Amino acid sequence: MKQMILEGGHKLTGVIEISGSKNSAVALVPASLLTNGIIELDNVPEISDIDALIEILVFLGAKVIRKDKSMKIDCTNVQNKEIPEQISKRLRASYYFMGALLGKYKHVEMYFPGGCSIGKRPINFHLEGFEKLGAKVTVEGNKYIVKADELIGNDIYFDIASVGATINIMLAATYAKGVTTIHNAAKEPHVVNVAELLNKMGAKVTGAGSNEIQIEGVSTLGNAQIKVVPDYIEAGTYVIAGALCADHLKVRNLVPEHIVSLTKKLEEMGAKLEIGEDYICIQSVEHYQPTDIKTDVFPGFPTDLQQPFTPLLALAHGTSTINETIFENRYMHVPYLQEMGCKIKVLDKVAQIEGPTIFHARHVVATDLRAGASLILAGLVAEGVTTIEGIEHVLRGYENIVEKLIHVGAKISIQEIE
């Protein structure tokens, strides 16, 4: 087990480079199985979720060569086998193997995937979509068996624009006969990134980035190379860090359009921002105005930035509110922020924050990935030394977070604990 030790009160100055998107990479890696050839990925983040996916690839017979931020995946000798529970449960994104293996082999067996406990996140949209394509879904305890004699294109309607279900149906439909149309599709940048890879492999996917995606089935897919899009959640997290405690922080290698919902709120609060073609410069100010946010699917305010944004709202002079509309269990960081001095109360899915707050260092626990990010940001401005247990959650999704923060002036380290 690991814990983070963080000394607050230090100003951040310098440049932080944004890594490849976690949410994109964890879908691109399973998507590689759709070919019998070689897929090359560039700008792959070095995070533990990728390590877990590689373990599944190797189990299935793929050869993986990883060097720096590049990854070569040779699927020549892949075999379709039941994915054991001990490796599938390590991360939520293992469910993308369902769509890839079903599309390629018309048969997949695996256990319900794991990940952060931030809500129910059922995979019923995925399974109903598979059934619309002609598959039969059987559930044996925690194990899913999905089979089809053949997959036939169909119209698939989502009640909610689910990123995971959108990508999984795209993967499964690439080899389906005819045309599949996904209505109310998710529009996130990583959905577009996956569609780009599929098309480079020889698929026929149109409409990615809109609410309607069409996939015309093909008979074969070949080699391809693609770059993982920059991680806009990581970018947003560091921009918020800059608003909290930077003299002058430049967050580089991002796509500003991906976090407009965040930068607009920062401007409402009175933050000092300079937005360039692929960077954002930010510095903290003494007096922030309160604001209200409501999480929504892209391009709305990301649920993944709701938790990191909370410490900044706590510095505002007045009352701010957060309305979490995506996950019902996304306030597990709140008790720890309260221990650190944050005046916040939660009723159902709405949190109310009274500011300004003087944060005090405490011993806290990262219950999930973005909760951990929230506690780190609070620790940056807290008086004293904050200890964060469960930091493995954060290392799942933020590449070299300790090194990046040290590089710009933070006093931070990771310690092994028994």
Foldseek 3Di string as FASTA:
>chain_A
DKKKKFAADKAFFDEFEFAFAPVQLLLQLLLQLLALAKEKEARAFPFVSVVLSVVQLVVQPWDWDDDDRMIMIHNNPGHADEREPVSQQPAQSSCLNVLQCCQRPQKHKYFHYHAFPQADPDCVLQVVLLVQQAWDWDDDPRMIIIGHPAGAADEREDPAQDQSSLSSSLNNQQAHAAKHKYAQHFQAPSQVQNVVFQVQQPWDWPDRNHRMIMTHYDHHGHYGYGYRQGHVLLLLLVQLLQQLGHPKYKYFQHQVQQQPQSVVVCVQQPWDWDDDRTIIMTHYDQETAAEEAEDGGPPGHHPLCPLQNVLVNQQHAAKYKYAYDPHQRSCPLVVVQVVQFWDWDDDRRMIMTHDPTAGAADEEEQSAQSSLSNVNSSSNRHHGMHMYPPCSRNSNGGRPPVVSRVVRIIDMDMDDDD
